[in-house]
């Protein structure tokens, strides 16, 4: 049986990266959730890998943390 996308080896670094962006912005999960108009549980699940974040959500996450999406993608690829 194929691995679910959020559990794929290539995806493993994304949740921690998202959490780092949020923490560097000085935001709690609740504050980020409010900015993104999502429930706090959505942020938690995204940061722990229980749900997969698509590219549009990644860009919105970056923006909500005060980072340009292009910079966020470049930074992720450089790590």
Protein backbone atom coordinates (compact mmCIF):
# COMPACT_ATOMS: atom_id res chain seq x y z
CA UNK A 1 0.00 0.00 0.00
CA UNK A 2 1.43 3.43 -0.90
CA UNK A 3 2.46 5.85 1.82
CA UNK A 4 0.08 8.74 2.47
CA UNK A 5 1.53 11.98 1.04
CA UNK A 6 1.99 13.64 4.44
CA UNK A 7 4.05 10.63 5.58
CA UNK A 8 6.29 10.53 2.52
CA UNK A 9 10.00 10.87 3.19
CA UNK A 10 10.25 14.02 1.03
CA UNK A 11 7.54 15.75 3.07
CA UNK A 12 9.14 15.04 6.46
CA UNK A 13 10.93 18.42 6.73
CA UNK A 14 7.89 20.60 5.98
CA UNK A 15 6.08 20.42 9.38
CA UNK A 16 9.17 21.48 11.33
CA UNK A 17 9.88 24.24 8.86
CA UNK A 18 6.35 25.58 9.25
CA UNK A 19 6.69 25.56 13.03
CA UNK A 20 10.03 27.38 12.80
CA UNK A 21 8.48 30.10 10.62
CA UNK A 22 5.68 30.59 13.15
CA UNK A 23 7.99 30.68 16.14
CA UNK A 24 10.41 33.09 14.44
CA UNK A 25 7.45 35.38 13.80
CA UNK A 26 6.69 35.26 17.54
CA UNK A 27 3.24 33.79 16.98
CA UNK A 28 1.37 31.17 18.94
CA UNK A 29 -0.57 28.51 17.07
CA UNK A 30 -3.76 30.32 18.00
CA UNK A 31 -2.50 33.67 16.67
CA UNK A 32 -1.39 32.12 13.39
CA UNK A 33 -4.71 30.30 13.08
CA UNK A 34 -6.57 33.60 13.52
CA UNK A 35 -4.45 35.26 10.82
CA UNK A 36 -5.11 32.36 8.47
CA UNK A 37 -8.78 32.06 9.43
CA UNK A 38 -8.34 28.45 10.42
CA UNK A 39 -8.91 26.62 13.70
CA UNK A 40 -5.92 26.23 16.00
CA UNK A 41 -6.16 22.46 15.52
CA UNK A 42 -5.48 22.98 11.78
CA UNK A 43 -2.16 24.69 12.63
CA UNK A 44 -1.29 21.94 15.13
CA UNK A 45 -2.02 19.18 12.63
CA UNK A 46 -0.01 20.98 9.96
CA UNK A 47 2.99 21.36 12.27
CA UNK A 48 2.91 17.75 13.42
CA UNK A 49 2.42 16.24 9.98
CA UNK A 50 -1.08 14.94 10.63
CA UNK A 51 -2.32 16.94 7.63
CA UNK A 52 -0.55 17.87 4.45
CA UNK A 53 -0.07 21.53 3.56
CA UNK A 54 -0.40 22.29 -0.14
CA UNK A 55 1.63 24.94 -1.95
CA UNK A 56 -1.09 27.61 -1.66
CA UNK A 57 -1.38 27.01 2.09
CA UNK A 58 2.41 27.12 2.39
CA UNK A 59 2.39 30.54 0.70
CA UNK A 60 -0.41 31.77 2.96
CA UNK A 61 1.48 30.45 6.02
CA UNK A 62 4.59 32.36 4.99
CA UNK A 63 2.60 35.55 4.45
CA UNK A 64 0.85 35.21 7.82
CA UNK A 65 4.32 34.94 9.41
CA UNK A 66 5.54 38.07 7.63
CA UNK A 67 7.71 36.21 5.12
CA UNK A 68 7.37 36.53 1.35
CA UNK A 69 6.38 33.18 -0.10
CA UNK A 70 9.31 33.26 -2.53
CA UNK A 71 11.73 33.76 0.37
CA UNK A 72 10.10 30.97 2.33
CA UNK A 73 10.43 28.54 -0.57
CA UNK A 74 14.04 29.55 -1.21
CA UNK A 75 14.84 29.15 2.47
CA UNK A 76 13.22 25.73 2.62
CA UNK A 77 15.12 24.54 -0.44
CA UNK A 78 18.41 25.84 0.99
CA UNK A 79 18.02 23.92 4.27
